[in-house]
Amino acid sequence: MSKKVYLDPGHGGSDPGAVRNGLREKDLTLAIAKRIEKILKKDYEGVQVKLSRTTDKFVSLSNRAKMANDWEADVFVSIHINAGGGTGYEDFIYNKLSNSSTTAKMRDTFHKEVVKEQSFWRNRGKKKANFAVLRLTNMSGILTENGFIDTKSDANKLKSNTHLNRIAKGHAGGIAKALGLKKKSKPKNSTSSSKKSSSSSKKTSTSKSTYTGNSIVDYLKSIGEDSSFNHRKALASKHGISNYTGTAAQNTRLLNALRGNKTSTKATTTKKYTPRTFKVGQKVKIKSSAKKYSRSNVSIPTKYKNKSLTIQQVGKDDVLIKELYSWVRKSDTY
C-alpha cells in the first residue's frame, strides 16, 4: 500500500519567517521541501507526496493541519529554519506524546538518518513542544529546525546548494526509513540515454542569431540550442578552449567562436575582457531571462524584472538586492 507524506514548508507569503544574512526562512523551507519531494518520488517506491504550499503564499497553521488530515497522510513533516543565536539541527514532536508512542519511535528513526546526513553542524537533539501543526494533525508529526539563519556560519551553509541538498537528502532518507519505503531498483542499461546525451552535445546549431549581447547563455537560447553548463563545456572543447569552467573570459571566447569570429586557442589572442563593476548602492535591473535566485531554488517573480533595484551587498558571483532580500547572479543583471 502506498504511503502518504505531507511536507509543510514553514511560513510563506506575507509571513517571511526569520530574516537575516540576506536570507528569508520562507524561501529556504520551500526550496528544501521541493528537494525532499523530488528525492522521494525519484528514489522510492509506493510513496505519494503533497506540500502545504508550492509557491510563496501564506497558509494558516490550522489549514496546513486540516489539509494533511483531509488527505489522511501517514506522516507530517514541517520544515523550518531556526533563529536566536544558536547553531545546528533539532527536531520536535508534540509535547503530550510519550517516548514510547508511535510518533516518538518514528521520530527516533527519522532523527538518526537526518543527523547522519547533516553532520556538518551540531546535533541539538530530539525535543518536544506544543506547536500548532503538531497538536492539530491526526497523523505522526515532526517539525525540524535546520540551522540558525542569524548565525553567520549556519547562514553560509544555508546559502549553499550542496548543503541544502544534504538537508533534503537527510529528511527524505529519514522519512523513507521511518515509513519502511523501498528504494527503486536502478535501470540495468543506461547506454542509450548516454549515447543520446553524447550525440546532442556534439550538435551545434547553424541558425543565425539577431542577439547582439555578451551573454553566451542568451546567445545559445536565441539560436534554440541547449545553454546548460555541460553543453557549453562540450562546445568549448570543440573550439579549442580547454579546462572550461565558465569564466567570463572563456565565455567571451566561446561566444566569438560560435559567431564565426576568429578564435585562437591561445589566451593572448583574445580580446581583453573588462568585468562589470558592482558596488553597494548601485542600481541594476534583473534580466527578463533570469529564472531563479542564486542561493535558493526559488523562481524570481516577473514583476521584479527589468525594474531599477538597489544592490545591498556584493558577493563573488552574485549581489544581494535590497528590495528582494535575496541574492541574484551578476550575470542575470544589467
Protein backbone atom coordinates (compact mmCIF):
# COMPACT_ATOMS: atom_id res chain seq x y z
CA MET A 1 0.00 0.00 0.00
CA SER A 2 1.23 3.45 -0.92
CA LYS A 3 2.41 5.76 1.88
CA LYS A 4 1.36 9.41 2.01
CA VAL A 5 3.95 12.02 3.00
CA TYR A 6 2.77 15.56 3.74
CA LEU A 7 5.56 18.17 3.62
CA ASP A 8 4.98 21.57 5.21
CA PRO A 9 7.41 24.35 4.15
CA GLY A 10 7.19 26.79 7.07
CA HIS A 11 5.91 30.37 6.62
CA GLY A 12 5.25 31.93 3.18
CA GLY A 13 3.67 34.95 1.52
CA SER A 14 3.16 37.80 3.99
CA ASP A 15 4.92 35.72 6.68
CA PRO A 16 8.63 35.54 5.75
CA GLY A 17 9.67 33.79 8.96
CA ALA A 18 13.15 34.59 10.23
CA VAL A 19 15.14 37.01 8.04
CA ARG A 20 18.88 37.62 8.37
CA ASN A 21 22.18 37.45 6.48
CA GLY A 22 20.44 38.02 3.14
CA LEU A 23 18.17 35.00 3.66
CA ARG A 24 14.46 34.52 4.30
CA GLU A 25 13.18 31.44 6.08
CA LYS A 26 10.17 31.07 3.78
CA ASP A 27 12.42 30.77 0.69
CA LEU A 28 14.70 28.17 2.27
CA THR A 29 11.91 25.97 3.64
CA LEU A 30 10.20 25.83 0.24
CA ALA A 31 13.48 25.05 -1.53
CA ILE A 32 14.21 22.20 0.91
CA ALA A 33 10.66 20.78 0.75
CA LYS A 34 10.73 20.66 -3.06
CA ARG A 35 14.08 18.86 -2.95
CA ILE A 36 12.68 16.30 -0.47
CA GLU A 37 9.67 15.70 -2.71
CA LYS A 38 11.91 15.16 -5.74
CA ILE A 39 14.13 12.65 -3.93
CA LEU A 40 11.21 10.66 -2.51
CA LYS A 41 9.46 10.37 -5.88
CA LYS A 42 12.66 9.63 -7.77
CA ASP A 43 14.28 7.11 -5.40
CA TYR A 44 11.46 5.30 -3.57
CA GLU A 45 8.53 3.08 -4.49
CA GLY A 46 4.96 3.37 -3.23
CA VAL A 47 5.03 6.95 -2.00
CA GLN A 48 2.75 9.93 -2.57
CA VAL A 49 3.86 13.43 -1.62
CA LYS A 50 1.92 16.65 -1.06
CA LEU A 51 3.11 20.09 0.03
CA SER A 52 1.14 22.61 2.07
CA ARG A 53 2.39 25.23 -0.40
CA THR A 54 4.35 25.03 -3.63
CA THR A 55 4.68 28.79 -4.11
CA ASP A 56 5.37 31.84 -1.97
CA LYS A 57 1.91 32.16 -0.42
CA PHE A 58 0.50 32.42 3.10
CA VAL A 59 -1.20 29.33 4.58
CA SER A 60 -2.58 29.42 8.14
CA LEU A 61 -1.36 26.84 10.66
CA SER A 62 -4.85 25.37 11.04
CA ASN A 63 -5.22 24.98 7.26
CA ARG A 64 -1.85 23.23 6.99
CA ALA A 65 -3.03 20.66 9.53
CA LYS A 66 -6.52 20.38 8.03
CA MET A 67 -5.21 19.68 4.53
CA ALA A 68 -2.95 16.92 5.87
CA ASN A 69 -5.83 15.44 7.89
CA ASP A 70 -8.24 15.56 4.95
CA TRP A 71 -5.67 13.79 2.76
CA GLU A 72 -5.16 11.19 5.53
CA ALA A 73 -1.38 11.44 5.37
CA ASP A 74 0.80 8.84 7.09
CA VAL A 75 3.34 11.41 8.30
CA PHE A 76 3.50 15.20 8.54
CA VAL A 77 6.92 16.88 8.36
CA SER A 78 7.14 20.65 8.89
CA ILE A 79 10.41 22.25 7.74
CA HIS A 80 11.80 25.36 9.43
CA ILE A 81 14.99 27.39 9.92
CA ASN A 82 15.89 28.42 13.47
CA ALA A 83 16.86 31.83 14.88
CA GLY A 84 18.08 33.15 18.22
CA GLY A 85 21.85 32.94 18.03
CA GLY A 86 22.39 29.19 18.31
CA THR A 87 23.74 26.67 15.83
CA GLY A 88 22.82 23.27 14.44
CA TYR A 89 19.84 20.95 13.87
CA GLU A 90 16.98 19.85 16.13
CA ASP A 91 13.52 18.35 15.69
CA PHE A 92 10.27 18.30 17.68
CA ILE A 93 7.18 16.16 18.31
CA TYR A 94 4.03 17.14 20.23
CA ASN A 95 4.86 17.57 23.91
CA LYS A 96 1.98 15.41 25.21
CA LEU A 97 3.26 12.28 23.46
CA SER A 98 5.17 9.67 25.44
CA ASN A 99 8.60 8.43 24.42
CA SER A 100 7.03 5.03 23.68
CA SER A 101 4.42 6.45 21.28
CA THR A 102 4.39 5.57 17.59
CA THR A 103 5.33 9.17 16.73
CA ALA A 104 8.28 9.18 19.14
CA LYS A 105 9.62 5.91 17.73
CA MET A 106 9.17 7.21 14.18
CA ARG A 107 11.00 10.41 15.13
CA ASP A 108 13.88 8.38 16.64
CA THR A 109 14.40 6.65 13.28
CA PHE A 110 13.96 9.87 11.33
CA HIS A 111 16.33 11.86 13.57
CA LYS A 112 19.10 9.29 13.24
CA GLU A 113 19.06 9.47 9.45
CA VAL A 114 18.87 13.27 9.32
CA VAL A 115 21.80 13.95 11.65
CA LYS A 116 23.88 11.36 9.82
CA GLU A 117 23.48 13.38 6.62
CA GLN A 118 23.66 16.78 8.35
CA SER A 119 26.94 16.02 10.10
CA PHE A 120 28.24 19.44 9.01
CA TRP A 121 26.72 21.10 12.10
CA ARG A 122 25.83 20.44 15.73
CA ASN A 123 23.10 17.94 16.69
CA ARG A 124 20.91 19.82 19.19
CA GLY A 125 18.84 16.72 19.90
CA LYS A 126 15.27 15.42 19.94
CA LYS A 127 12.76 17.73 21.62
CA LYS A 128 9.04 18.24 22.33
CA ALA A 129 6.85 21.34 22.00
CA ASN A 130 3.22 22.45 21.80
CA PHE A 131 3.43 23.63 18.17
CA ALA A 132 0.04 24.06 16.46
CA VAL A 133 0.85 21.92 13.43
CA LEU A 134 1.94 19.07 15.71
CA ARG A 135 -1.04 19.45 18.00
CA LEU A 136 -3.70 19.71 15.25
CA THR A 137 -2.53 16.93 12.92
CA ASN A 138 -4.03 13.45 13.30
CA MET A 139 -1.01 11.55 11.98
CA SER A 140 2.54 11.38 13.33
CA GLY A 141 4.07 14.84 13.03
CA ILE A 142 7.66 16.06 13.16
CA LEU A 143 8.89 19.66 12.99
CA THR A 144 12.53 20.24 12.01
CA GLU A 145 14.75 23.28 12.62
CA ASN A 146 17.66 23.30 10.18
CA GLY A 147 20.41 25.67 11.28
CA PHE A 148 20.20 29.25 12.56
CA ILE A 149 19.60 31.96 9.97
CA ASP A 150 21.12 34.62 12.28
CA THR A 151 24.35 32.71 12.93
CA LYS A 152 26.89 33.53 10.20
CA SER A 153 28.40 30.02 9.94
CA ASP A 154 24.96 28.37 9.70
CA ALA A 155 23.72 31.02 7.26
CA ASN A 156 26.69 30.39 4.95
CA LYS A 157 25.73 26.71 4.80
CA LEU A 158 22.12 27.63 4.07
CA LYS A 159 23.35 29.69 1.09
CA SER A 160 24.98 26.58 -0.37
CA ASN A 161 23.03 24.31 -2.74
CA THR A 162 25.30 21.46 -1.67
CA HIS A 163 24.19 21.81 1.96
CA LEU A 164 20.53 22.33 1.04
CA ASN A 165 20.69 19.10 -0.98
CA ARG A 166 22.16 17.26 2.01
CA ILE A 167 19.45 18.62 4.30
CA ALA A 168 16.81 17.38 1.85
CA LYS A 169 18.55 14.03 1.42
CA GLY A 170 18.62 13.53 5.19
CA HIS A 171 14.92 14.32 5.51
CA ALA A 172 13.99 12.05 2.60
CA GLY A 173 16.11 9.20 3.98
CA GLY A 174 14.63 9.66 7.45
CA ILE A 175 11.06 9.63 6.13
CA ALA A 176 11.76 6.56 3.99
CA LYS A 177 13.32 4.66 6.89
CA ALA A 178 10.52 5.62 9.29
CA LEU A 179 7.81 4.52 6.83
CA GLY A 180 9.67 1.48 5.57
CA LEU A 181 9.79 2.67 1.96
CA LYS A 182 11.56 0.51 -0.57
CA LYS A 183 14.19 2.01 -2.87
CA LYS A 184 13.58 1.82 -6.59
CA SER A 185 15.87 -0.52 -8.48
CA LYS A 186 18.28 1.24 -10.82
CA PRO A 187 17.88 0.59 -14.58
CA LYS A 188 20.35 -2.01 -15.83
CA ASN A 189 21.21 -0.33 -19.11
CA SER A 190 21.60 3.41 -19.49
CA THR A 191 23.71 3.16 -22.69
CA SER A 192 21.02 4.55 -24.96
CA SER A 193 20.45 7.64 -22.82
CA SER A 194 24.17 8.32 -22.52
CA LYS A 195 24.60 7.97 -26.27
CA LYS A 196 21.72 10.38 -26.80
CA SER A 197 23.31 12.88 -24.45
CA SER A 198 26.66 12.49 -26.17
CA SER A 199 25.25 12.96 -29.63
CA SER A 200 23.21 16.01 -28.61
CA SER A 201 26.27 17.66 -27.09
CA LYS A 202 28.07 17.35 -30.41
CA LYS A 203 25.38 19.26 -32.29
CA THR A 204 25.99 22.90 -32.97
CA SER A 205 23.17 24.91 -34.41
CA THR A 206 23.88 26.71 -37.66
CA SER A 207 20.91 29.06 -37.15
CA LYS A 208 21.72 32.72 -37.37
CA SER A 209 21.01 34.90 -34.36
CA THR A 210 19.98 38.52 -34.10
CA TYR A 211 21.20 38.63 -30.49
CA THR A 212 23.96 41.22 -30.07
CA GLY A 213 24.65 40.98 -26.33
CA ASN A 214 27.59 39.41 -24.49
CA SER A 215 25.86 36.51 -22.69
CA ILE A 216 26.74 33.04 -24.03
CA VAL A 217 23.63 31.63 -22.37
CA ASP A 218 21.31 34.16 -24.02
CA TYR A 219 23.08 33.67 -27.35
CA LEU A 220 22.56 29.88 -27.29
CA LYS A 221 18.91 30.35 -26.33
CA SER A 222 18.47 32.78 -29.23
CA ILE A 223 19.50 30.06 -31.70
CA GLY A 224 17.40 27.40 -29.98
CA GLU A 225 20.36 25.49 -28.54
CA ASP A 226 20.95 23.93 -25.12
CA SER A 227 22.55 26.52 -22.80
CA SER A 228 23.45 24.15 -19.93
CA PHE A 229 26.97 24.13 -18.49
CA ASN A 230 27.71 20.60 -19.81
CA HIS A 231 26.77 21.58 -23.35
CA ARG A 232 28.80 24.79 -23.18
CA LYS A 233 31.77 22.75 -21.93
CA ALA A 234 31.43 20.39 -24.90
CA LEU A 235 31.27 23.35 -27.29
CA ALA A 236 34.30 24.93 -25.65
CA SER A 237 36.32 21.75 -26.09
CA LYS A 238 35.29 21.57 -29.74
CA HIS A 239 36.53 25.13 -30.29
CA GLY A 240 39.88 24.59 -28.57
CA ILE A 241 39.01 26.15 -25.20
CA SER A 242 40.46 23.74 -22.65
CA ASN A 243 39.66 23.39 -18.94
CA TYR A 244 36.34 25.17 -19.36
CA THR A 245 34.85 26.33 -16.02
CA GLY A 246 32.52 29.04 -17.29
CA THR A 247 34.68 32.07 -16.54
CA ALA A 248 33.83 35.38 -18.20
CA ALA A 249 36.93 35.22 -20.42
CA GLN A 250 36.16 31.66 -21.56
CA ASN A 251 32.54 32.56 -22.30
CA THR A 252 33.65 35.55 -24.37
CA ARG A 253 36.00 33.33 -26.41
CA LEU A 254 33.28 30.73 -26.91
CA LEU A 255 30.75 33.37 -27.95
CA ASN A 256 33.20 34.77 -30.52
CA ALA A 257 33.87 31.27 -31.86
CA LEU A 258 30.16 30.49 -32.27
CA ARG A 259 29.58 33.79 -34.02
CA GLY A 260 32.29 32.94 -36.51
CA ASN A 261 34.89 35.34 -35.20
CA LYS A 262 38.47 34.17 -35.31
CA THR A 263 39.33 32.43 -32.03
CA SER A 264 42.78 31.14 -31.22
CA THR A 265 43.49 28.50 -28.60
CA LYS A 266 45.97 30.96 -27.11
CA ALA A 267 44.59 33.30 -24.49
CA THR A 268 46.90 36.07 -25.71
CA THR A 269 44.92 36.48 -28.94
CA THR A 270 41.57 37.05 -27.24
CA LYS A 271 40.21 40.47 -26.60
CA LYS A 272 40.80 41.53 -23.03
CA TYR A 273 37.60 41.23 -21.01
CA THR A 274 36.76 44.07 -18.64
CA PRO A 275 34.38 42.81 -15.95
CA ARG A 276 31.45 44.92 -14.84
CA THR A 277 31.75 46.66 -11.52
CA PHE A 278 29.20 46.11 -8.77
CA LYS A 279 29.01 48.44 -5.78
CA VAL A 280 26.74 48.78 -2.76
CA GLY A 281 24.04 51.34 -3.54
CA GLN A 282 24.39 50.85 -7.29
CA LYS A 283 21.18 50.45 -9.31
CA VAL A 284 20.77 47.37 -11.51
CA LYS A 285 17.96 45.61 -13.34
CA ILE A 286 17.22 41.88 -13.49
CA LYS A 287 17.15 40.42 -17.00
CA SER A 288 13.87 39.01 -18.27
CA SER A 289 15.75 35.74 -18.96
CA ALA A 290 16.69 35.30 -15.28
CA LYS A 291 14.95 32.30 -13.75
CA LYS A 292 15.93 31.62 -10.13
CA TYR A 293 17.71 33.31 -7.25
CA SER A 294 21.38 32.36 -6.95
CA ARG A 295 21.24 30.98 -3.41
CA SER A 296 17.87 29.25 -3.32
CA ASN A 297 15.84 27.15 -5.72
CA VAL A 298 13.09 29.78 -5.94
CA SER A 299 11.87 31.47 -9.12
CA ILE A 300 12.34 35.23 -9.45
CA PRO A 301 8.88 36.88 -9.80
CA THR A 302 8.34 38.51 -13.19
CA LYS A 303 7.19 41.75 -11.54
CA TYR A 304 10.77 42.41 -10.32
CA LYS A 305 12.42 42.02 -13.73
CA ASN A 306 13.55 44.99 -15.81
CA LYS A 307 13.00 47.35 -12.86
CA SER A 308 15.61 49.51 -11.18
CA LEU A 309 16.72 47.79 -7.94
CA THR A 310 19.40 48.54 -5.34
CA ILE A 311 22.49 46.46 -4.51
CA GLN A 312 22.72 45.98 -0.75
CA GLN A 313 25.72 43.62 -0.68
CA VAL A 314 28.19 42.29 -3.26
CA GLY A 315 29.29 38.64 -3.41
CA LYS A 316 31.79 36.92 -5.67
CA ASP A 317 29.29 35.92 -8.36
CA ASP A 318 26.07 37.47 -7.12
CA VAL A 319 24.57 40.55 -5.47
CA LEU A 320 22.04 40.96 -2.67
CA ILE A 321 19.09 43.01 -3.90
CA LYS A 322 17.74 45.28 -1.18
CA GLU A 323 14.12 45.27 -2.39
CA LEU A 324 14.00 41.44 -2.66
CA TYR A 325 16.11 40.44 0.38
CA SER A 326 17.58 37.81 -1.96
CA TRP A 327 20.76 37.13 -3.94
CA VAL A 328 20.75 37.38 -7.73
CA ARG A 329 23.52 36.25 -10.10
CA LYS A 330 25.58 39.10 -11.52
CA SER A 331 25.14 37.57 -14.96
CA ASP A 332 21.35 37.91 -14.55
CA THR A 333 21.57 41.69 -14.13
CA TYR A 334 22.22 44.63 -16.45
